């Protein structure tokens, strides 16, 4: 997802970890904040402020998502229960201001 410039949040990492734990039969795993902090430290993951148009999601990726993923989702619903979402722009301010990335990525860029 990071290679597509899609922000990755802490809640996303916890959600994925819970899915993996469930799939592997680790029923006691809870994905606590303590676990997350240790996971980030262990793997050199830091929070980075998102800025600039260069980090926008590619138009082709957006179009592919609409054509492939969204169309699959909408197949499960009758047209009568699909509503217009033209007011979703209100949620623009709810987008994350930071993303998580590996600290080594930033350090490598500074070396060259």
PDB file of N, CA and C in Angstrom:
ATOM      1  N   UNK A   1       0.820  -1.194   0.000  1.00  0.00           N
ATOM      2  CA  UNK A   1       0.000   0.000   0.000  1.00  0.00           C
ATOM      3  C   UNK A   1       0.862   1.256   0.000  1.00  0.00           C
ATOM      4  N   UNK A   2       1.990   1.206   0.716  1.00  0.00           N
ATOM      5  CA  UNK A   2       2.840   2.388   0.759  1.00  0.00           C
ATOM      6  C   UNK A   2       3.375   2.731  -0.622  1.00  0.00           C
ATOM      7  N   UNK A   3       3.650   1.710  -1.450  1.00  0.00           N
ATOM      8  CA  UNK A   3       4.159   1.993  -2.786  1.00  0.00           C
ATOM      9  C   UNK A   3       3.108   2.661  -3.663  1.00  0.00           C
ATOM     10  N   UNK A   4       1.857   2.636  -3.248  1.00  0.00           N
ATOM     11  CA  UNK A   4       0.767   3.300  -3.968  1.00  0.00           C
ATOM     12  C   UNK A   4       0.432   4.648  -3.335  1.00  0.00           C
ATOM     13  N   UNK A   5       1.231   5.091  -2.349  1.00  0.00           N
ATOM     14  CA  UNK A   5       1.022   6.350  -1.626  1.00  0.00           C
ATOM     15  C   UNK A   5      -0.295   6.385  -0.863  1.00  0.00           C
ATOM     16  N   UNK A   6      -0.738   5.230  -0.416  1.00  0.00           N
ATOM     17  CA  UNK A   6      -1.924   5.155   0.431  1.00  0.00           C
ATOM     18  C   UNK A   6      -1.442   5.191   1.878  1.00  0.00           C
ATOM     19  N   UNK A   7      -1.922   6.131   2.692  1.00  0.00           N
ATOM     20  CA  UNK A   7      -1.453   6.228   4.076  1.00  0.00           C
ATOM     21  C   UNK A   7      -1.756   4.959   4.873  1.00  0.00           C
ATOM     22  N   UNK A   8      -0.811   4.586   5.714  1.00  0.00           N
ATOM     23  CA  UNK A   8      -0.989   3.432   6.592  1.00  0.00           C
ATOM     24  C   UNK A   8      -1.059   3.960   8.021  1.00  0.00           C
ATOM     25  N   UNK A   9      -2.118   3.620   8.721  1.00  0.00           N
ATOM     26  CA  UNK A   9      -2.306   4.101  10.090  1.00  0.00           C
ATOM     27  C   UNK A   9      -1.993   2.999  11.090  1.00  0.00           C
ATOM     28  N   UNK A  10      -1.882   3.391  12.340  1.00  0.00           N
ATOM     29  CA  UNK A  10      -1.655   2.415  13.405  1.00  0.00           C
ATOM     30  C   UNK A  10      -2.832   1.458  13.515  1.00  0.00           C
ATOM     31  N   UNK A  11      -4.043   1.976  13.361  1.00  0.00           N
ATOM     32  CA  UNK A  11      -5.216   1.100  13.453  1.00  0.00           C
ATOM     33  C   UNK A  11      -5.232   0.082  12.315  1.00  0.00           C
ATOM     34  N   UNK A  12      -4.708   0.449  11.153  1.00  0.00           N
ATOM     35  CA  UNK A  12      -4.621  -0.485  10.031  1.00  0.00           C
ATOM     36  C   UNK A  12      -3.669  -1.631  10.368  1.00  0.00           C
ATOM     37  N   UNK A  13      -2.521  -1.311  10.970  1.00  0.00           N
ATOM     38  CA  UNK A  13      -1.557  -2.351  11.348  1.00  0.00           C
ATOM     39  C   UNK A  13      -2.177  -3.290  12.372  1.00  0.00           C
ATOM     40  N   UNK A  14      -2.862  -2.737  13.362  1.00  0.00           N
ATOM     41  CA  UNK A  14      -3.501  -3.580  14.384  1.00  0.00           C
ATOM     42  C   UNK A  14      -4.570  -4.462  13.745  1.00  0.00           C
ATOM     43  N   UNK A  15      -5.374  -3.891  12.858  1.00  0.00           N
ATOM     44  CA  UNK A  15      -6.427  -4.670  12.195  1.00  0.00           C
ATOM     45  C   UNK A  15      -5.828  -5.840  11.415  1.00  0.00           C
ATOM     46  N   UNK A  16      -4.762  -5.589  10.665  1.00  0.00           N
ATOM     47  CA  UNK A  16      -4.117  -6.652   9.891  1.00  0.00           C
ATOM     48  C   UNK A  16      -3.484  -7.689  10.819  1.00  0.00           C
ATOM     49  N   UNK A  17      -2.863  -7.243  11.902  1.00  0.00           N
ATOM     50  CA  UNK A  17      -2.257  -8.175  12.854  1.00  0.00           C
ATOM     51  C   UNK A  17      -3.320  -9.080  13.468  1.00  0.00           C
ATOM     52  N   UNK A  18      -4.474  -8.512  13.791  1.00  0.00           N
ATOM     53  CA  UNK A  18      -5.575  -9.315  14.335  1.00  0.00           C
ATOM     54  C   UNK A  18      -6.063 -10.345  13.317  1.00  0.00           C
ATOM     55  N   UNK A  19      -6.118  -9.952  12.054  1.00  0.00           N
ATOM     56  CA  UNK A  19      -6.530 -10.888  11.004  1.00  0.00           C
ATOM     57  C   UNK A  19      -5.532 -12.040  10.874  1.00  0.00           C
ATOM     58  N   UNK A  20      -4.227 -11.708  10.880  1.00  0.00           N
ATOM     59  CA  UNK A  20      -3.203 -12.754  10.791  1.00  0.00           C
ATOM     60  C   UNK A  20      -3.258 -13.669  12.007  1.00  0.00           C
ATOM     61  N   UNK A  21      -3.385 -13.080  13.194  1.00  0.00           N
ATOM     62  CA  UNK A  21      -3.436 -13.878  14.420  1.00  0.00           C
ATOM     63  C   UNK A  21      -4.630 -14.824  14.393  1.00  0.00           C
ATOM     64  N   UNK A  22      -5.766 -14.322  13.970  1.00  0.00           N
ATOM     65  CA  UNK A  22      -6.967 -15.145  13.881  1.00  0.00           C
ATOM     66  C   UNK A  22      -6.765 -16.288  12.884  1.00  0.00           C
ATOM     67  N   UNK A  23      -6.189 -15.975  11.723  1.00  0.00           N
ATOM     68  CA  UNK A  23      -5.959 -16.990  10.693  1.00  0.00           C
ATOM     69  C   UNK A  23      -4.978 -18.060  11.169  1.00  0.00           C
ATOM     70  N   UNK A  24      -4.036 -17.668  12.030  1.00  0.00           N
ATOM     71  CA  UNK A  24      -3.032 -18.606  12.532  1.00  0.00           C
ATOM     72  C   UNK A  24      -3.450 -19.278  13.832  1.00  0.00           C
ATOM     73  N   UNK A  25      -4.632 -18.943  14.329  1.00  0.00           N
ATOM     74  CA  UNK A  25      -5.157 -19.591  15.523  1.00  0.00           C
ATOM     75  C   UNK A  25      -4.671 -19.014  16.841  1.00  0.00           C
ATOM     76  N   UNK A  26      -4.150 -17.794  16.831  1.00  0.00           N
ATOM     77  CA  UNK A  26      -3.723 -17.141  18.069  1.00  0.00           C
ATOM     78  C   UNK A  26      -4.914 -16.369  18.645  1.00  0.00           C
ATOM     79  N   UNK A  27      -5.770 -17.069  19.342  1.00  0.00           N
ATOM     80  CA  UNK A  27      -7.012 -16.476  19.838  1.00  0.00           C
ATOM     81  C   UNK A  27      -6.804 -15.473  20.964  1.00  0.00           C
ATOM     82  N   UNK A  28      -5.683 -15.551  21.657  1.00  0.00           N
ATOM     83  CA  UNK A  28      -5.427 -14.667  22.798  1.00  0.00           C
ATOM     84  C   UNK A  28      -4.827 -13.324  22.382  1.00  0.00           C
ATOM     85  N   UNK A  29      -4.386 -13.190  21.134  1.00  0.00           N
ATOM     86  CA  UNK A  29      -3.757 -11.953  20.673  1.00  0.00           C
ATOM     87  C   UNK A  29      -4.781 -10.822  20.653  1.00  0.00           C
ATOM     88  N   UNK A  30      -4.423  -9.667  21.210  1.00  0.00           N
ATOM     89  CA  UNK A  30      -5.353  -8.539  21.301  1.00  0.00           C
ATOM     90  C   UNK A  30      -4.915  -7.311  20.504  1.00  0.00           C
ATOM     91  N   UNK A  31      -3.668  -7.242  20.076  1.00  0.00           N
ATOM     92  CA  UNK A  31      -3.218  -6.074  19.321  1.00  0.00           C
ATOM     93  C   UNK A  31      -3.267  -4.804  20.145  1.00  0.00           C
ATOM     94  N   UNK A  32      -2.730  -4.847  21.337  1.00  0.00           N
ATOM     95  CA  UNK A  32      -2.777  -3.696  22.248  1.00  0.00           C
ATOM     96  C   UNK A  32      -1.839  -2.585  21.787  1.00  0.00           C
ATOM     97  N   UNK A  33      -1.977  -1.413  22.399  1.00  0.00           N
ATOM     98  CA  UNK A  33      -1.075  -0.301  22.098  1.00  0.00           C
ATOM     99  C   UNK A  33       0.363  -0.650  22.454  1.00  0.00           C
ATOM    100  N   UNK A  34       0.541  -1.394  23.545  1.00  0.00           N
ATOM    101  CA  UNK A  34       1.882  -1.829  23.932  1.00  0.00           C
ATOM    102  C   UNK A  34       2.495  -2.728  22.873  1.00  0.00           C
ATOM    103  N   UNK A  35       1.696  -3.672  22.357  1.00  0.00           N
ATOM    104  CA  UNK A  35       2.188  -4.548  21.290  1.00  0.00           C
ATOM    105  C   UNK A  35       2.574  -3.712  20.075  1.00  0.00           C
ATOM    106  N   UNK A  36       1.726  -2.741  19.714  1.00  0.00           N
ATOM    107  CA  UNK A  36       1.982  -1.917  18.537  1.00  0.00           C
ATOM    108  C   UNK A  36       3.279  -1.125  18.688  1.00  0.00           C
ATOM    109  N   UNK A  37       3.485  -0.514  19.843  1.00  0.00           N
ATOM    110  CA  UNK A  37       4.705   0.268  20.060  1.00  0.00           C
ATOM    111  C   UNK A  37       5.947  -0.606  19.946  1.00  0.00           C
ATOM    112  N   UNK A  38       5.901  -1.798  20.522  1.00  0.00           N
ATOM    113  CA  UNK A  38       7.046  -2.716  20.428  1.00  0.00           C
ATOM    114  C   UNK A  38       7.247  -3.192  18.995  1.00  0.00           C
ATOM    115  N   UNK A  39       6.161  -3.452  18.281  1.00  0.00           N
ATOM    116  CA  UNK A  39       6.237  -3.869  16.881  1.00  0.00           C
ATOM    117  C   UNK A  39       6.907  -2.780  16.047  1.00  0.00           C
ATOM    118  N   UNK A  40       6.472  -1.523  16.250  1.00  0.00           N
ATOM    119  CA  UNK A  40       7.055  -0.411  15.492  1.00  0.00           C
ATOM    120  C   UNK A  40       8.536  -0.249  15.815  1.00  0.00           C
ATOM    121  N   UNK A  41       8.895  -0.346  17.079  1.00  0.00           N
ATOM    122  CA  UNK A  41      10.297  -0.219  17.485  1.00  0.00           C
ATOM    123  C   UNK A  41      11.131  -1.350  16.879  1.00  0.00           C
ATOM    124  N   UNK A  42      10.612  -2.569  16.953  1.00  0.00           N
ATOM    125  CA  UNK A  42      11.324  -3.749  16.463  1.00  0.00           C
ATOM    126  C   UNK A  42      11.581  -3.668  14.954  1.00  0.00           C
ATOM    127  N   UNK A  43      10.648  -3.065  14.216  1.00  0.00           N
ATOM    128  CA  UNK A  43      10.763  -3.016  12.762  1.00  0.00           C
ATOM    129  C   UNK A  43      11.146  -1.636  12.229  1.00  0.00           C
ATOM    130  N   UNK A  44      11.507  -0.723  13.117  1.00  0.00           N
ATOM    131  CA  UNK A  44      11.958   0.598  12.694  1.00  0.00           C
ATOM    132  C   UNK A  44      10.890   1.411  11.991  1.00  0.00           C
ATOM    133  N   UNK A  45       9.656   1.320  12.461  1.00  0.00           N
ATOM    134  CA  UNK A  45       8.541   2.042  11.842  1.00  0.00           C
ATOM    135  C   UNK A  45       8.319   3.350  12.592  1.00  0.00           C
ATOM    136  N   UNK A  46       8.250   4.434  11.833  1.00  0.00           N
ATOM    137  CA  UNK A  46       8.045   5.762  12.417  1.00  0.00           C
ATOM    138  C   UNK A  46       6.824   6.414  11.771  1.00  0.00           C
ATOM    139  N   UNK A  47       6.285   7.445  12.432  1.00  0.00           N
ATOM    140  CA  UNK A  47       5.192   8.234  11.863  1.00  0.00           C
ATOM    141  C   UNK A  47       5.811   9.362  11.055  1.00  0.00           C
ATOM    142  N   UNK A  48       5.278   9.600   9.892  1.00  0.00           N
ATOM    143  CA  UNK A  48       5.802  10.625   8.999  1.00  0.00           C
ATOM    144  C   UNK A  48       4.646  11.495   8.533  1.00  0.00           C
ATOM    145  N   UNK A  49       4.828  12.816   8.584  1.00  0.00           N
ATOM    146  CA  UNK A  49       3.791  13.744   8.141  1.00  0.00           C
ATOM    147  C   UNK A  49       3.638  13.632   6.626  1.00  0.00           C
ATOM    148  N   UNK A  50       2.398  13.559   6.179  1.00  0.00           N
ATOM    149  CA  UNK A  50       2.102  13.484   4.750  1.00  0.00           C
ATOM    150  C   UNK A  50       2.031  14.902   4.214  1.00  0.00           C
ATOM    151  N   UNK A  51       2.764  15.163   3.133  1.00  0.00           N
ATOM    152  CA  UNK A  51       2.700  16.506   2.559  1.00  0.00           C
ATOM    153  C   UNK A  51       3.026  16.451   1.074  1.00  0.00           C
ATOM    154  N   UNK A  52       2.517  17.425   0.367  1.00  0.00           N
ATOM    155  CA  UNK A  52       2.860  17.589  -1.041  1.00  0.00           C
ATOM    156  C   UNK A  52       2.018  16.782  -1.997  1.00  0.00           C
ATOM    157  N   UNK A  53       1.873  17.316  -3.202  1.00  0.00           N
ATOM    158  CA  UNK A  53       1.096  16.633  -4.225  1.00  0.00           C
ATOM    159  C   UNK A  53       1.795  15.391  -4.738  1.00  0.00           C
ATOM    160  N   UNK A  54       3.105  15.306  -4.576  1.00  0.00           N
ATOM    161  CA  UNK A  54       3.824  14.129  -5.059  1.00  0.00           C
ATOM    162  C   UNK A  54       3.381  12.874  -4.336  1.00  0.00           C
ATOM    163  N   UNK A  55       2.714  13.031  -3.209  1.00  0.00           N
ATOM    164  CA  UNK A  55       2.244  11.881  -2.443  1.00  0.00           C
ATOM    165  C   UNK A  55       0.779  11.577  -2.702  1.00  0.00           C
ATOM    166  N   UNK A  56       0.188  12.225  -3.706  1.00  0.00           N
ATOM    167  CA  UNK A  56      -1.198  11.932  -4.053  1.00  0.00           C
ATOM    168  C   UNK A  56      -1.305  10.526  -4.619  1.00  0.00           C
ATOM    169  N   UNK A  57      -2.448   9.920  -4.453  1.00  0.00           N
ATOM    170  CA  UNK A  57      -2.700   8.604  -5.022  1.00  0.00           C
ATOM    171  C   UNK A  57      -2.804   8.750  -6.533  1.00  0.00           C
ATOM    172  N   UNK A  58      -2.175   7.856  -7.254  1.00  0.00           N
ATOM    173  CA  UNK A  58      -2.169   7.859  -8.715  1.00  0.00           C
ATOM    174  C   UNK A  58      -3.598   7.753  -9.260  1.00  0.00           C
ATOM    175  N   UNK A  59      -3.920   8.564 -10.269  1.00  0.00           N
ATOM    176  CA  UNK A  59      -5.262   8.541 -10.866  1.00  0.00           C
ATOM    177  C   UNK A  59      -5.608   7.167 -11.422  1.00  0.00           C
ATOM    178  N   UNK A  60      -4.633   6.487 -12.019  1.00  0.00           N
ATOM    179  CA  UNK A  60      -4.890   5.149 -12.567  1.00  0.00           C
ATOM    180  C   UNK A  60      -5.249   4.171 -11.463  1.00  0.00           C
ATOM    181  N   UNK A  61      -4.558   4.265 -10.320  1.00  0.00           N
ATOM    182  CA  UNK A  61      -4.868   3.384  -9.192  1.00  0.00           C
ATOM    183  C   UNK A  61      -6.281   3.639  -8.687  1.00  0.00           C
ATOM    184  N   UNK A  62      -6.656   4.917  -8.635  1.00  0.00           N
ATOM    185  CA  UNK A  62      -8.001   5.264  -8.183  1.00  0.00           C
ATOM    186  C   UNK A  62      -9.044   4.705  -9.148  1.00  0.00           C
ATOM    187  N   UNK A  63      -8.815   4.895 -10.442  1.00  0.00           N
ATOM    188  CA  UNK A  63      -9.758   4.398 -11.445  1.00  0.00           C
ATOM    189  C   UNK A  63      -9.850   2.877 -11.408  1.00  0.00           C
ATOM    190  N   UNK A  64      -8.706   2.210 -11.264  1.00  0.00           N
ATOM    191  CA  UNK A  64      -8.711   0.742 -11.173  1.00  0.00           C
ATOM    192  C   UNK A  64      -9.498   0.285  -9.955  1.00  0.00           C
ATOM    193  N   UNK A  65      -9.335   0.994  -8.827  1.00  0.00           N
ATOM    194  CA  UNK A  65     -10.070   0.623  -7.614  1.00  0.00           C
ATOM    195  C   UNK A  65     -11.574   0.764  -7.853  1.00  0.00           C
ATOM    196  N   UNK A  66     -11.964   1.852  -8.486  1.00  0.00           N
ATOM    197  CA  UNK A  66     -13.387   2.071  -8.753  1.00  0.00           C
ATOM    198  C   UNK A  66     -13.930   0.981  -9.668  1.00  0.00           C
ATOM    199  N   UNK A  67     -13.196   0.672 -10.728  1.00  0.00           N
ATOM    200  CA  UNK A  67     -13.677  -0.297 -11.713  1.00  0.00           C
ATOM    201  C   UNK A  67     -13.642  -1.731 -11.186  1.00  0.00           C
ATOM    202  N   UNK A  68     -12.622  -2.082 -10.414  1.00  0.00           N
ATOM    203  CA  UNK A  68     -12.471  -3.466  -9.969  1.00  0.00           C
ATOM    204  C   UNK A  68     -13.075  -3.704  -8.586  1.00  0.00           C
ATOM    205  N   UNK A  69     -12.553  -3.029  -7.588  1.00  0.00           N
ATOM    206  CA  UNK A  69     -12.956  -3.302  -6.210  1.00  0.00           C
ATOM    207  C   UNK A  69     -14.361  -2.793  -5.909  1.00  0.00           C
ATOM    208  N   UNK A  70     -14.614  -1.533  -6.208  1.00  0.00           N
ATOM    209  CA  UNK A  70     -15.924  -0.963  -5.900  1.00  0.00           C
ATOM    210  C   UNK A  70     -17.040  -1.701  -6.643  1.00  0.00           C
ATOM    211  N   UNK A  71     -16.785  -2.045  -7.900  1.00  0.00           N
ATOM    212  CA  UNK A  71     -17.829  -2.754  -8.649  1.00  0.00           C
ATOM    213  C   UNK A  71     -18.137  -4.114  -8.027  1.00  0.00           C
ATOM    214  N   UNK A  72     -17.124  -4.787  -7.481  1.00  0.00           N
ATOM    215  CA  UNK A  72     -17.360  -6.070  -6.796  1.00  0.00           C
ATOM    216  C   UNK A  72     -18.193  -5.862  -5.530  1.00  0.00           C
ATOM    217  N   UNK A  73     -17.901  -4.810  -4.805  1.00  0.00           N
ATOM    218  CA  UNK A  73     -18.650  -4.509  -3.579  1.00  0.00           C
ATOM    219  C   UNK A  73     -20.109  -4.209  -3.914  1.00  0.00           C
ATOM    220  N   UNK A  74     -20.318  -3.400  -4.932  1.00  0.00           N
ATOM    221  CA  UNK A  74     -21.674  -2.973  -5.281  1.00  0.00           C
ATOM    222  C   UNK A  74     -22.532  -4.108  -5.823  1.00  0.00           C
ATOM    223  N   UNK A  75     -21.918  -5.162  -6.351  1.00  0.00           N
ATOM    224  CA  UNK A  75     -22.683  -6.305  -6.862  1.00  0.00           C
ATOM    225  C   UNK A  75     -23.541  -6.952  -5.784  1.00  0.00           C
ATOM    226  N   UNK A  76     -23.118  -6.823  -4.528  1.00  0.00           N
ATOM    227  CA  UNK A  76     -23.839  -7.447  -3.418  1.00  0.00           C
ATOM    228  C   UNK A  76     -25.055  -6.644  -2.966  1.00  0.00           C
ATOM    229  N   UNK A  77     -25.305  -5.495  -3.582  1.00  0.00           N
ATOM    230  CA  UNK A  77     -26.391  -4.623  -3.145  1.00  0.00           C
ATOM    231  C   UNK A  77     -27.348  -4.332  -4.296  1.00  0.00           C
ATOM    232  N   UNK A  78     -28.599  -4.212  -3.951  1.00  0.00           N
ATOM    233  CA  UNK A  78     -29.614  -3.821  -4.927  1.00  0.00           C
ATOM    234  C   UNK A  78     -29.478  -2.320  -5.193  1.00  0.00           C
ATOM    235  N   UNK A  79     -29.700  -1.881  -6.424  1.00  0.00           N
ATOM    236  CA  UNK A  79     -29.578  -0.453  -6.740  1.00  0.00           C
ATOM    237  C   UNK A  79     -30.453   0.440  -5.861  1.00  0.00           C
ATOM    238  N   UNK A  80     -31.570  -0.092  -5.366  1.00  0.00           N
ATOM    239  CA  UNK A  80     -32.477   0.711  -4.548  1.00  0.00           C
ATOM    240  C   UNK A  80     -31.875   1.102  -3.199  1.00  0.00           C
ATOM    241  N   UNK A  81     -30.854   0.382  -2.753  1.00  0.00           N
ATOM    242  CA  UNK A  81     -30.276   0.712  -1.444  1.00  0.00           C
ATOM    243  C   UNK A  81     -28.886   1.339  -1.565  1.00  0.00           C
ATOM    244  N   UNK A  82     -28.523   1.766  -2.772  1.00  0.00           N
ATOM    245  CA  UNK A  82     -27.260   2.483  -2.979  1.00  0.00           C
ATOM    246  C   UNK A  82     -27.598   3.963  -3.068  1.00  0.00           C
ATOM    247  N   UNK A  83     -26.961   4.758  -2.227  1.00  0.00           N
ATOM    248  CA  UNK A  83     -27.288   6.172  -2.139  1.00  0.00           C
ATOM    249  C   UNK A  83     -26.146   7.036  -2.644  1.00  0.00           C
ATOM    250  N   UNK A  84     -26.484   8.236  -3.045  1.00  0.00           N
ATOM    251  CA  UNK A  84     -25.517   9.212  -3.509  1.00  0.00           C
ATOM    252  C   UNK A  84     -24.609   9.621  -2.347  1.00  0.00           C
ATOM    253  N   UNK A  85     -23.328   9.785  -2.641  1.00  0.00           N
ATOM    254  CA  UNK A  85     -22.374  10.147  -1.590  1.00  0.00           C
ATOM    255  C   UNK A  85     -21.680  11.463  -1.910  1.00  0.00           C
ATOM    256  N   UNK A  86     -22.412  12.400  -2.495  1.00  0.00           N
ATOM    257  CA  UNK A  86     -21.791  13.651  -2.901  1.00  0.00           C
ATOM    258  C   UNK A  86     -21.367  14.524  -1.730  1.00  0.00           C
ATOM    259  N   UNK A  87     -21.817  14.227  -0.529  1.00  0.00           N
ATOM    260  CA  UNK A  87     -21.426  15.021   0.632  1.00  0.00           C
ATOM    261  C   UNK A  87     -20.245  14.414   1.383  1.00  0.00           C
ATOM    262  N   UNK A  88     -19.619  13.411   0.808  1.00  0.00           N
ATOM    263  CA  UNK A  88     -18.474  12.792   1.484  1.00  0.00           C
ATOM    264  C   UNK A  88     -17.271  13.720   1.521  1.00  0.00           C
ATOM    265  N   UNK A  89     -17.301  14.786   0.751  1.00  0.00           N
ATOM    266  CA  UNK A  89     -16.203  15.743   0.793  1.00  0.00           C
ATOM    267  C   UNK A  89     -16.027  16.322   2.193  1.00  0.00           C
ATOM    268  N   UNK A  90     -17.072  16.274   2.988  1.00  0.00           N
ATOM    269  CA  UNK A  90     -16.969  16.749   4.368  1.00  0.00           C
ATOM    270  C   UNK A  90     -15.918  15.961   5.146  1.00  0.00           C
ATOM    271  N   UNK A  91     -15.660  14.731   4.737  1.00  0.00           N
ATOM    272  CA  UNK A  91     -14.704  13.890   5.443  1.00  0.00           C
ATOM    273  C   UNK A  91     -13.264  14.126   5.006  1.00  0.00           C
ATOM    274  N   UNK A  92     -13.041  15.037   4.082  1.00  0.00           N
ATOM    275  CA  UNK A  92     -11.693  15.327   3.620  1.00  0.00           C
ATOM    276  C   UNK A  92     -10.774  15.666   4.788  1.00  0.00           C
ATOM    277  N   UNK A  93     -11.281  16.437   5.736  1.00  0.00           N
ATOM    278  CA  UNK A  93     -10.476  16.829   6.885  1.00  0.00           C
ATOM    279  C   UNK A  93     -10.207  15.662   7.828  1.00  0.00           C
ATOM    280  N   UNK A  94     -10.902  14.550   7.651  1.00  0.00           N
ATOM    281  CA  UNK A  94     -10.701  13.379   8.505  1.00  0.00           C
ATOM    282  C   UNK A  94      -9.569  12.488   8.017  1.00  0.00           C
ATOM    283  N   UNK A  95      -9.008  12.786   6.848  1.00  0.00           N
ATOM    284  CA  UNK A  95      -7.915  11.970   6.340  1.00  0.00           C
ATOM    285  C   UNK A  95      -6.725  12.070   7.281  1.00  0.00           C
ATOM    286  N   UNK A  96      -5.947  10.998   7.418  1.00  0.00           N
ATOM    287  CA  UNK A  96      -4.806  11.034   8.333  1.00  0.00           C
ATOM    288  C   UNK A  96      -3.766  12.058   7.888  1.00  0.00           C
ATOM    289  N   UNK A  97      -3.164  12.715   8.854  1.00  0.00           N
ATOM    290  CA  UNK A  97      -2.112  13.682   8.574  1.00  0.00           C
ATOM    291  C   UNK A  97      -0.733  13.035   8.586  1.00  0.00           C
ATOM    292  N   UNK A  98      -0.664  11.799   9.097  1.00  0.00           N
ATOM    293  CA  UNK A  98       0.608  11.075   9.168  1.00  0.00           C
ATOM    294  C   UNK A  98       0.418   9.679   8.614  1.00  0.00           C
ATOM    295  N   UNK A  99       1.525   9.093   8.202  1.00  0.00           N
ATOM    296  CA  UNK A  99       1.533   7.702   7.788  1.00  0.00           C
ATOM    297  C   UNK A  99       2.701   7.022   8.481  1.00  0.00           C
ATOM    298  N   UNK A 100       2.708   5.714   8.484  1.00  0.00           N
ATOM    299  CA  UNK A 100       3.794   4.968   9.096  1.00  0.00           C
ATOM    300  C   UNK A 100       4.715   4.451   8.007  1.00  0.00           C
ATOM    301  N   UNK A 101       6.019   4.509   8.250  1.00  0.00           N
ATOM    302  CA  UNK A 101       6.989   4.024   7.283  1.00  0.00           C
ATOM    303  C   UNK A 101       8.207   3.510   8.014  1.00  0.00           C
ATOM    304  N   UNK A 102       9.037   2.787   7.311  1.00  0.00           N
ATOM    305  CA  UNK A 102      10.259   2.256   7.888  1.00  0.00           C
ATOM    306  C   UNK A 102      11.281   3.377   7.971  1.00  0.00           C
ATOM    307  N   UNK A 103      11.895   3.550   9.124  1.00  0.00           N
ATOM    308  CA  UNK A 103      12.859   4.625   9.336  1.00  0.00           C
ATOM    309  C   UNK A 103      14.052   4.487   8.399  1.00  0.00           C
ATOM    310  N   UNK A 104      14.412   3.276   8.011  1.00  0.00           N
ATOM    311  CA  UNK A 104      15.548   3.074   7.123  1.00  0.00           C
ATOM    312  C   UNK A 104      15.310   3.658   5.738  1.00  0.00           C
ATOM    313  N   UNK A 105      14.068   3.701   5.274  1.00  0.00           N
ATOM    314  CA  UNK A 105      13.764   4.289   3.968  1.00  0.00           C
ATOM    315  C   UNK A 105      14.218   5.740   3.920  1.00  0.00           C
ATOM    316  N   UNK A 106      13.922   6.478   4.968  1.00  0.00           N
ATOM    317  CA  UNK A 106      14.284   7.888   5.014  1.00  0.00           C
ATOM    318  C   UNK A 106      15.794   8.049   5.096  1.00  0.00           C
ATOM    319  N   UNK A 107      16.462   7.233   5.905  1.00  0.00           N
ATOM    320  CA  UNK A 107      17.908   7.330   6.060  1.00  0.00           C
ATOM    321  C   UNK A 107      18.632   6.981   4.767  1.00  0.00           C
ATOM    322  N   UNK A 108      18.161   5.998   4.014  1.00  0.00           N
ATOM    323  CA  UNK A 108      18.785   5.627   2.746  1.00  0.00           C
ATOM    324  C   UNK A 108      18.715   6.781   1.763  1.00  0.00           C
ATOM    325  N   UNK A 109      17.586   7.479   1.739  1.00  0.00           N
ATOM    326  CA  UNK A 109      17.428   8.595   0.811  1.00  0.00           C
ATOM    327  C   UNK A 109      18.421   9.705   1.125  1.00  0.00           C
ATOM    328  N   UNK A 110      18.759   9.887   2.383  1.00  0.00           N
ATOM    329  CA  UNK A 110      19.682  10.943   2.772  1.00  0.00           C
ATOM    330  C   UNK A 110      21.129  10.583   2.442  1.00  0.00           C
ATOM    331  N   UNK A 111      21.426   9.290   2.304  1.00  0.00           N
ATOM    332  CA  UNK A 111      22.792   8.862   2.033  1.00  0.00           C
ATOM    333  C   UNK A 111      23.213   9.133   0.595  1.00  0.00           C
ATOM    334  N   UNK A 112      22.275   9.252  -0.316  1.00  0.00           N
ATOM    335  CA  UNK A 112      22.618   9.388  -1.739  1.00  0.00           C
ATOM    336  C   UNK A 112      22.508  10.793  -2.220  1.00  0.00           C
TER     337      UNK A 112
END
